[in-house]
Amino acid sequence: MRLAVVAVPLVLMLEVSRADAAPPSDTEVSRRLAFIEARLARGAGPANMWWSSWYYGWTALSMGQFVWAIATPDKGTRIDMAVGAAASTLGVIPLGVLPFPARTAQRDLARVPARSPEERRRKLAFAEHLLEAAAKDQKLRRSWVNHATSIGVSIGVGLVLGVGYGRPIPGLINSIGGIALSELQIWTQPTAAITDFADYEKLRNESKPSTTMLPPKTNGFPVSISIAPHPGGISISGSF
C-alpha cells in the first residue's frame, strides 16, 4: 500500500516534466511568430533612418574635409582637414562593416518560408535568434564600452594634431567636436529591440504549461508521506 502511495507523486512529476518539455502547438508557434514579425517590422524603420543618417553623414563629413585638405593653400588647414577626414572615416567604417540586426532582421526573416508546421517552427527559432541578436547589439552600442571607445578615439585624434603637429587649438576643437558627435550618435540609436525581446520573453513564459504539482485525490481521506534516512537505508512511512 505504501509503494502505491509513493508512486503517485513520481508519476505526477514525470507527467509534469513531459508536459513542460513538449513543444508548443502550431497555433502557439504562429502567435509567437506574428509577435516577433510585428516588432521587427516596427523597429526596422527607425533603425534604417538612424543608420542612414549617420552613415551618410559621416561619409559627407569625411569627403568634405578631404576635398578641403586638397584645395586649401594653407599648410595648417590642410593638416587639420586631413586628420579630420581620417577621423570621420573611423565613424563610417563600423557602420559599413559591422552588422546592425535591428535594420536587417525583418528582411532576413521574410525570406524564410512558413508553409507547414515544421517550417513555422524553424522560422520561429530563427526569429527568436534575430530578435535576441538585435537586443544584444543595441545594449552593446549603448554600453560604457562604446562610450569609452568613442571618447578615446576623439582624444587620440586631438593629441595627434596638438602634439604630433603642434596645433593644440585645432586639436582641442577636433576632440570636443568628435566627442559631441559620437555621443549624439550613441544616444540617438534606437533601443526598441531591447524592450521587444523582454516583452517576448514574458509572452513565451506565460504560454508555458504550469508546473505546479497538485496533491493526489484521495476521495476525501488525507494522505501524508514522510521519508527519513537512518543507518543502513531509509524509512518511508505514511498515513491514510
C-alpha atoms as a PDB file:
ATOM      1  CA  MET A   1       0.000   0.000   0.000  1.00  0.00           C
ATOM      2  CA  ARG A   2       2.817   2.364   0.818  1.00  0.00           C
ATOM      3  CA  LEU A   3       4.544   1.706  -2.507  1.00  0.00           C
ATOM      4  CA  ALA A   4       1.401   2.649  -4.365  1.00  0.00           C
ATOM      5  CA  VAL A   5       1.131   5.913  -2.438  1.00  0.00           C
ATOM      6  CA  VAL A   6       4.769   6.808  -3.087  1.00  0.00           C
ATOM      7  CA  ALA A   7       4.377   6.089  -6.796  1.00  0.00           C
ATOM      8  CA  VAL A   8       1.615   8.680  -7.265  1.00  0.00           C
ATOM      9  CA  PRO A   9       3.846  11.757  -6.826  1.00  0.00           C
ATOM     10  CA  LEU A  10       6.534  10.168  -9.001  1.00  0.00           C
ATOM     11  CA  VAL A  11       4.062   9.617 -11.818  1.00  0.00           C
ATOM     12  CA  LEU A  12       2.820  13.177 -11.453  1.00  0.00           C
ATOM     13  CA  MET A  13       6.387  14.516 -11.635  1.00  0.00           C
ATOM     14  CA  LEU A  14       7.047  12.541 -14.808  1.00  0.00           C
ATOM     15  CA  GLU A  15       3.845  13.802 -16.399  1.00  0.00           C
ATOM     16  CA  VAL A  16       4.633  17.421 -15.481  1.00  0.00           C
ATOM     17  CA  SER A  17       8.176  17.135 -16.864  1.00  0.00           C
ATOM     18  CA  ARG A  18       6.828  15.596 -20.051  1.00  0.00           C
ATOM     19  CA  ALA A  19       4.277  18.391 -20.468  1.00  0.00           C
ATOM     20  CA  ASP A  20       6.868  21.073 -19.790  1.00  0.00           C
ATOM     21  CA  ALA A  21       9.229  19.593 -22.396  1.00  0.00           C
ATOM     22  CA  ALA A  22       6.517  19.265 -25.045  1.00  0.00           C
ATOM     23  CA  PRO A  23       6.913  21.669 -27.994  1.00  0.00           C
ATOM     24  CA  PRO A  24       4.331  24.442 -28.385  1.00  0.00           C
ATOM     25  CA  SER A  25       1.344  23.847 -30.624  1.00  0.00           C
ATOM     26  CA  ASP A  26       1.231  25.197 -34.160  1.00  0.00           C
ATOM     27  CA  THR A  27      -1.255  27.832 -33.003  1.00  0.00           C
ATOM     28  CA  GLU A  28       1.152  28.969 -30.299  1.00  0.00           C
ATOM     29  CA  VAL A  29       4.067  28.961 -32.748  1.00  0.00           C
ATOM     30  CA  SER A  30       2.082  31.153 -35.151  1.00  0.00           C
ATOM     31  CA  ARG A  31       1.166  33.530 -32.323  1.00  0.00           C
ATOM     32  CA  ARG A  32       4.775  33.932 -31.210  1.00  0.00           C
ATOM     33  CA  LEU A  33       5.982  34.300 -34.791  1.00  0.00           C
ATOM     34  CA  ALA A  34       3.408  37.014 -35.509  1.00  0.00           C
ATOM     35  CA  PHE A  35       4.527  38.878 -32.384  1.00  0.00           C
ATOM     36  CA  ILE A  36       8.189  38.880 -33.422  1.00  0.00           C
ATOM     37  CA  GLU A  37       7.400  39.787 -37.039  1.00  0.00           C
ATOM     38  CA  ALA A  38       5.333  42.763 -35.904  1.00  0.00           C
ATOM     39  CA  ARG A  39       8.025  44.006 -33.529  1.00  0.00           C
ATOM     40  CA  LEU A  40      10.840  43.611 -36.069  1.00  0.00           C
ATOM     41  CA  ALA A  41       8.770  45.454 -38.681  1.00  0.00           C
ATOM     42  CA  ARG A  42       8.061  48.274 -36.238  1.00  0.00           C
ATOM     43  CA  GLY A  43      11.742  48.659 -35.380  1.00  0.00           C
ATOM     44  CA  ALA A  44      13.112  48.447 -38.925  1.00  0.00           C
ATOM     45  CA  GLY A  45      12.060  51.986 -39.927  1.00  0.00           C
ATOM     46  CA  PRO A  46      13.760  53.882 -37.070  1.00  0.00           C
ATOM     47  CA  ALA A  47      16.812  51.621 -37.344  1.00  0.00           C
ATOM     48  CA  ASN A  48      17.151  52.333 -41.074  1.00  0.00           C
ATOM     49  CA  MET A  49      16.724  56.058 -40.531  1.00  0.00           C
ATOM     50  CA  TRP A  50      19.345  56.142 -37.770  1.00  0.00           C
ATOM     51  CA  TRP A  51      21.837  54.074 -39.757  1.00  0.00           C
ATOM     52  CA  SER A  52      21.385  56.059 -42.982  1.00  0.00           C
ATOM     53  CA  SER A  53      21.645  59.418 -41.209  1.00  0.00           C
ATOM     54  CA  TRP A  54      24.922  58.584 -39.517  1.00  0.00           C
ATOM     55  CA  TYR A  55      26.478  56.541 -42.311  1.00  0.00           C
ATOM     56  CA  TYR A  56      25.923  59.163 -44.989  1.00  0.00           C
ATOM     57  CA  GLY A  57      26.538  61.982 -42.512  1.00  0.00           C
ATOM     58  CA  TRP A  58      29.976  60.670 -41.557  1.00  0.00           C
ATOM     59  CA  THR A  59      30.719  59.942 -45.229  1.00  0.00           C
ATOM     60  CA  ALA A  60      29.837  63.500 -46.262  1.00  0.00           C
ATOM     61  CA  LEU A  61      31.918  64.961 -43.422  1.00  0.00           C
ATOM     62  CA  SER A  62      34.891  62.811 -44.338  1.00  0.00           C
ATOM     63  CA  MET A  63      34.704  63.618 -48.056  1.00  0.00           C
ATOM     64  CA  GLY A  64      34.178  67.323 -47.397  1.00  0.00           C
ATOM     65  CA  GLN A  65      37.269  67.550 -45.205  1.00  0.00           C
ATOM     66  CA  PHE A  66      39.278  65.517 -47.690  1.00  0.00           C
ATOM     67  CA  VAL A  67      38.377  67.869 -50.553  1.00  0.00           C
ATOM     68  CA  TRP A  68      39.104  70.888 -48.354  1.00  0.00           C
ATOM     69  CA  ALA A  69      42.529  69.449 -47.467  1.00  0.00           C
ATOM     70  CA  ILE A  70      43.389  69.145 -51.156  1.00  0.00           C
ATOM     71  CA  ALA A  71      42.022  72.534 -52.172  1.00  0.00           C
ATOM     72  CA  THR A  72      43.391  74.772 -49.404  1.00  0.00           C
ATOM     73  CA  PRO A  73      46.753  76.500 -49.900  1.00  0.00           C
ATOM     74  CA  ASP A  74      47.284  76.846 -46.128  1.00  0.00           C
ATOM     75  CA  LYS A  75      49.502  74.102 -44.695  1.00  0.00           C
ATOM     76  CA  GLY A  76      47.995  74.220 -41.209  1.00  0.00           C
ATOM     77  CA  THR A  77      44.445  73.981 -42.511  1.00  0.00           C
ATOM     78  CA  ARG A  78      45.495  71.152 -44.793  1.00  0.00           C
ATOM     79  CA  ILE A  79      46.784  69.208 -41.782  1.00  0.00           C
ATOM     80  CA  ASP A  80      43.619  69.907 -39.782  1.00  0.00           C
ATOM     81  CA  MET A  81      41.340  68.782 -42.590  1.00  0.00           C
ATOM     82  CA  ALA A  82      43.384  65.692 -43.456  1.00  0.00           C
ATOM     83  CA  VAL A  83      43.393  64.478 -39.852  1.00  0.00           C
ATOM     84  CA  GLY A  84      39.692  65.340 -39.528  1.00  0.00           C
ATOM     85  CA  ALA A  85      38.880  63.378 -42.688  1.00  0.00           C
ATOM     86  CA  ALA A  86      40.717  60.351 -41.326  1.00  0.00           C
ATOM     87  CA  ALA A  87      38.874  60.648 -38.001  1.00  0.00           C
ATOM     88  CA  SER A  88      35.497  60.923 -39.733  1.00  0.00           C
ATOM     89  CA  THR A  89      36.297  57.791 -41.713  1.00  0.00           C
ATOM     90  CA  LEU A  90      36.557  55.956 -38.392  1.00  0.00           C
ATOM     91  CA  GLY A  91      32.891  56.807 -37.899  1.00  0.00           C
ATOM     92  CA  VAL A  92      31.933  55.382 -41.294  1.00  0.00           C
ATOM     93  CA  ILE A  93      33.785  52.064 -41.092  1.00  0.00           C
ATOM     94  CA  PRO A  94      31.893  50.472 -38.153  1.00  0.00           C
ATOM     95  CA  LEU A  95      28.540  51.345 -39.729  1.00  0.00           C
ATOM     96  CA  GLY A  96      29.563  49.903 -43.068  1.00  0.00           C
ATOM     97  CA  VAL A  97      31.294  46.765 -41.775  1.00  0.00           C
ATOM     98  CA  LEU A  98      29.624  45.675 -38.531  1.00  0.00           C
ATOM     99  CA  PRO A  99      26.168  44.047 -38.699  1.00  0.00           C
ATOM    100  CA  PHE A 100      23.164  46.013 -37.448  1.00  0.00           C
ATOM    101  CA  PRO A 101      20.494  43.330 -36.774  1.00  0.00           C
ATOM    102  CA  ALA A 102      17.663  45.758 -35.987  1.00  0.00           C
ATOM    103  CA  ARG A 103      17.987  47.122 -39.516  1.00  0.00           C
ATOM    104  CA  THR A 104      18.170  43.820 -41.408  1.00  0.00           C
ATOM    105  CA  ALA A 105      16.236  41.338 -39.237  1.00  0.00           C
ATOM    106  CA  GLN A 106      12.822  41.923 -40.814  1.00  0.00           C
ATOM    107  CA  ARG A 107      14.209  41.393 -44.313  1.00  0.00           C
ATOM    108  CA  ASP A 108      16.156  38.286 -43.279  1.00  0.00           C
ATOM    109  CA  LEU A 109      13.117  36.753 -41.580  1.00  0.00           C
ATOM    110  CA  ALA A 110      10.833  37.437 -44.562  1.00  0.00           C
ATOM    111  CA  ARG A 111      12.998  35.161 -46.725  1.00  0.00           C
ATOM    112  CA  VAL A 112      12.273  32.114 -44.545  1.00  0.00           C
ATOM    113  CA  PRO A 113       9.213  30.073 -45.644  1.00  0.00           C
ATOM    114  CA  ALA A 114       6.419  29.155 -43.209  1.00  0.00           C
ATOM    115  CA  ARG A 115       4.119  26.911 -45.263  1.00  0.00           C
ATOM    116  CA  SER A 116       3.948  23.967 -42.866  1.00  0.00           C
ATOM    117  CA  PRO A 117       4.028  23.489 -39.087  1.00  0.00           C
ATOM    118  CA  GLU A 118       7.624  22.260 -39.274  1.00  0.00           C
ATOM    119  CA  GLU A 119       8.704  25.259 -41.355  1.00  0.00           C
ATOM    120  CA  ARG A 120       6.938  27.577 -38.928  1.00  0.00           C
ATOM    121  CA  ARG A 121       8.835  26.044 -36.011  1.00  0.00           C
ATOM    122  CA  ARG A 122      12.137  26.576 -37.790  1.00  0.00           C
ATOM    123  CA  LYS A 123      11.159  30.117 -38.697  1.00  0.00           C
ATOM    124  CA  LEU A 124      10.207  30.844 -35.083  1.00  0.00           C
ATOM    125  CA  ALA A 125      13.609  29.619 -33.890  1.00  0.00           C
ATOM    126  CA  PHE A 126      15.299  31.904 -36.424  1.00  0.00           C
ATOM    127  CA  ALA A 127      13.030  34.805 -35.460  1.00  0.00           C
ATOM    128  CA  GLU A 128      13.909  34.352 -31.785  1.00  0.00           C
ATOM    129  CA  HIS A 129      17.594  34.393 -32.714  1.00  0.00           C
ATOM    130  CA  LEU A 130      17.204  37.603 -34.732  1.00  0.00           C
ATOM    131  CA  LEU A 131      15.269  39.405 -32.002  1.00  0.00           C
ATOM    132  CA  GLU A 132      17.764  38.400 -29.322  1.00  0.00           C
ATOM    133  CA  ALA A 133      20.702  39.417 -31.539  1.00  0.00           C
ATOM    134  CA  ALA A 134      19.132  42.834 -32.162  1.00  0.00           C
ATOM    135  CA  ALA A 135      18.572  43.345 -28.431  1.00  0.00           C
ATOM    136  CA  LYS A 136      22.138  42.364 -27.522  1.00  0.00           C
ATOM    137  CA  ASP A 137      23.551  44.575 -30.278  1.00  0.00           C
ATOM    138  CA  GLN A 138      21.601  47.608 -29.087  1.00  0.00           C
ATOM    139  CA  LYS A 139      22.700  47.018 -25.497  1.00  0.00           C
ATOM    140  CA  LEU A 140      26.330  46.873 -26.612  1.00  0.00           C
ATOM    141  CA  ARG A 141      26.020  50.047 -28.677  1.00  0.00           C
ATOM    142  CA  ARG A 142      24.682  51.871 -25.603  1.00  0.00           C
ATOM    143  CA  SER A 143      27.198  50.316 -23.196  1.00  0.00           C
ATOM    144  CA  TRP A 144      30.106  52.057 -21.479  1.00  0.00           C
ATOM    145  CA  VAL A 145      32.455  50.228 -23.871  1.00  0.00           C
ATOM    146  CA  ASN A 146      31.121  52.181 -26.828  1.00  0.00           C
ATOM    147  CA  HIS A 147      31.212  55.468 -24.923  1.00  0.00           C
ATOM    148  CA  ALA A 148      34.795  54.860 -23.776  1.00  0.00           C
ATOM    149  CA  THR A 149      35.952  53.829 -27.254  1.00  0.00           C
ATOM    150  CA  SER A 150      34.425  56.877 -28.944  1.00  0.00           C
ATOM    151  CA  ILE A 151      35.820  59.297 -26.367  1.00  0.00           C
ATOM    152  CA  GLY A 152      39.247  57.641 -26.510  1.00  0.00           C
ATOM    153  CA  VAL A 153      39.423  57.887 -30.306  1.00  0.00           C
ATOM    154  CA  SER A 154      38.378  61.552 -30.259  1.00  0.00           C
ATOM    155  CA  ILE A 155      41.003  62.408 -27.639  1.00  0.00           C
ATOM    156  CA  GLY A 156      43.609  60.478 -29.611  1.00  0.00           C
ATOM    157  CA  VAL A 157      42.850  62.451 -32.776  1.00  0.00           C
ATOM    158  CA  GLY A 158      43.174  65.686 -30.813  1.00  0.00           C
ATOM    159  CA  LEU A 159      46.556  64.586 -29.469  1.00  0.00           C
ATOM    160  CA  VAL A 160      47.761  63.802 -32.986  1.00  0.00           C
ATOM    161  CA  LEU A 161      47.028  67.379 -34.013  1.00  0.00           C
ATOM    162  CA  GLY A 162      48.114  69.022 -30.765  1.00  0.00           C
ATOM    163  CA  VAL A 163      51.261  67.046 -30.001  1.00  0.00           C
ATOM    164  CA  GLY A 164      52.179  65.485 -33.310  1.00  0.00           C
ATOM    165  CA  TYR A 165      51.668  68.554 -35.497  1.00  0.00           C
ATOM    166  CA  GLY A 166      51.951  71.312 -32.896  1.00  0.00           C
ATOM    167  CA  ARG A 167      48.382  72.549 -33.380  1.00  0.00           C
ATOM    168  CA  PRO A 168      46.807  72.440 -29.895  1.00  0.00           C
ATOM    169  CA  ILE A 169      43.773  74.661 -30.586  1.00  0.00           C
ATOM    170  CA  PRO A 170      42.605  72.737 -33.673  1.00  0.00           C
ATOM    171  CA  GLY A 171      43.366  69.539 -31.762  1.00  0.00           C
ATOM    172  CA  LEU A 172      41.147  70.611 -28.857  1.00  0.00           C
ATOM    173  CA  ILE A 173      38.345  71.665 -31.204  1.00  0.00           C
ATOM    174  CA  ASN A 174      38.598  68.368 -33.072  1.00  0.00           C
ATOM    175  CA  SER A 175      38.435  66.357 -29.841  1.00  0.00           C
ATOM    176  CA  ILE A 176      35.423  68.245 -28.485  1.00  0.00           C
ATOM    177  CA  GLY A 177      33.606  68.010 -31.813  1.00  0.00           C
ATOM    178  CA  GLY A 178      34.379  64.317 -32.155  1.00  0.00           C
ATOM    179  CA  ILE A 179      33.153  63.519 -28.641  1.00  0.00           C
ATOM    180  CA  ALA A 180      29.964  65.539 -29.163  1.00  0.00           C
ATOM    181  CA  LEU A 181      29.127  63.800 -32.449  1.00  0.00           C
ATOM    182  CA  SER A 182      29.970  60.339 -31.135  1.00  0.00           C
ATOM    183  CA  GLU A 183      27.847  60.783 -28.017  1.00  0.00           C
ATOM    184  CA  LEU A 184      24.975  62.121 -30.102  1.00  0.00           C
ATOM    185  CA  GLN A 185      25.238  59.067 -32.337  1.00  0.00           C
ATOM    186  CA  ILE A 186      25.156  56.711 -29.344  1.00  0.00           C
ATOM    187  CA  TRP A 187      22.247  58.396 -27.559  1.00  0.00           C
ATOM    188  CA  THR A 188      20.072  58.670 -30.670  1.00  0.00           C
ATOM    189  CA  GLN A 189      20.408  54.986 -31.501  1.00  0.00           C
ATOM    190  CA  PRO A 190      17.081  53.092 -31.383  1.00  0.00           C
ATOM    191  CA  THR A 191      16.651  50.709 -28.445  1.00  0.00           C
ATOM    192  CA  ALA A 192      13.249  49.187 -29.254  1.00  0.00           C
ATOM    193  CA  ALA A 193      14.665  45.677 -29.677  1.00  0.00           C
ATOM    194  CA  ILE A 194      15.727  45.601 -26.014  1.00  0.00           C
ATOM    195  CA  THR A 195      12.143  46.159 -24.860  1.00  0.00           C
ATOM    196  CA  ASP A 196      10.738  43.918 -27.595  1.00  0.00           C
ATOM    197  CA  PHE A 197      12.886  40.978 -26.522  1.00  0.00           C
ATOM    198  CA  ALA A 198      11.894  41.440 -22.871  1.00  0.00           C
ATOM    199  CA  ASP A 199       8.217  41.525 -23.890  1.00  0.00           C
ATOM    200  CA  TYR A 200       8.654  38.365 -25.943  1.00  0.00           C
ATOM    201  CA  GLU A 201      10.281  36.571 -23.018  1.00  0.00           C
ATOM    202  CA  LYS A 202       7.211  37.388 -20.910  1.00  0.00           C
ATOM    203  CA  LEU A 203       4.908  36.161 -23.680  1.00  0.00           C
ATOM    204  CA  ARG A 204       6.823  32.905 -24.030  1.00  0.00           C
ATOM    205  CA  ASN A 205       6.900  32.258 -20.290  1.00  0.00           C
ATOM    206  CA  GLU A 206       3.184  32.947 -19.942  1.00  0.00           C
ATOM    207  CA  SER A 207       2.388  30.338 -22.592  1.00  0.00           C
ATOM    208  CA  LYS A 208       4.361  27.554 -20.900  1.00  0.00           C
ATOM    209  CA  PRO A 209       2.301  24.889 -19.118  1.00  0.00           C
ATOM    210  CA  SER A 210       2.081  25.217 -15.371  1.00  0.00           C
ATOM    211  CA  THR A 211       4.485  23.045 -13.396  1.00  0.00           C
ATOM    212  CA  THR A 212       2.559  23.293 -10.137  1.00  0.00           C
ATOM    213  CA  MET A 213       2.044  19.840  -8.659  1.00  0.00           C
ATOM    214  CA  LEU A 214      -1.368  19.174  -7.194  1.00  0.00           C
ATOM    215  CA  PRO A 215      -1.764  16.657  -4.393  1.00  0.00           C
ATOM    216  CA  PRO A 216      -3.319  13.372  -5.489  1.00  0.00           C
ATOM    217  CA  LYS A 217      -7.001  12.991  -4.974  1.00  0.00           C
ATOM    218  CA  THR A 218      -7.800  10.682  -2.075  1.00  0.00           C
ATOM    219  CA  ASN A 219     -11.611  10.629  -2.117  1.00  0.00           C
ATOM    220  CA  GLY A 220     -11.727  12.891   0.896  1.00  0.00           C
ATOM    221  CA  PHE A 221      -9.179  10.987   3.004  1.00  0.00           C
ATOM    222  CA  PRO A 222      -5.980  12.849   3.964  1.00  0.00           C
ATOM    223  CA  VAL A 223      -2.722  11.332   2.788  1.00  0.00           C
ATOM    224  CA  SER A 224       0.725  12.105   4.212  1.00  0.00           C
ATOM    225  CA  ILE A 225       4.088  10.591   3.373  1.00  0.00           C
ATOM    226  CA  SER A 226       7.440  11.039   5.118  1.00  0.00           C
ATOM    227  CA  ILE A 227      10.874   9.807   4.096  1.00  0.00           C
ATOM    228  CA  ALA A 228      13.708   9.772   6.647  1.00  0.00           C
ATOM    229  CA  PRO A 229      17.273   8.438   6.421  1.00  0.00           C
ATOM    230  CA  HIS A 230      18.595   6.061   9.053  1.00  0.00           C
ATOM    231  CA  PRO A 231      21.696   3.854   9.376  1.00  0.00           C
ATOM    232  CA  GLY A 232      21.587   1.207   6.721  1.00  0.00           C
ATOM    233  CA  GLY A 233      18.962   2.808   4.498  1.00  0.00           C
ATOM    234  CA  ILE A 234      15.837   4.981   4.569  1.00  0.00           C
ATOM    235  CA  SER A 235      12.404   4.613   6.032  1.00  0.00           C
ATOM    236  CA  ILE A 236       9.179   5.505   4.283  1.00  0.00           C
ATOM    237  CA  SER A 237       6.053   5.954   6.306  1.00  0.00           C
ATOM    238  CA  GLY A 238       2.605   7.208   5.550  1.00  0.00           C
ATOM    239  CA  SER A 239      -0.823   7.695   6.958  1.00  0.00           C
ATOM    240  CA  PHE A 240      -4.116   7.481   5.103  1.00  0.00           C
END
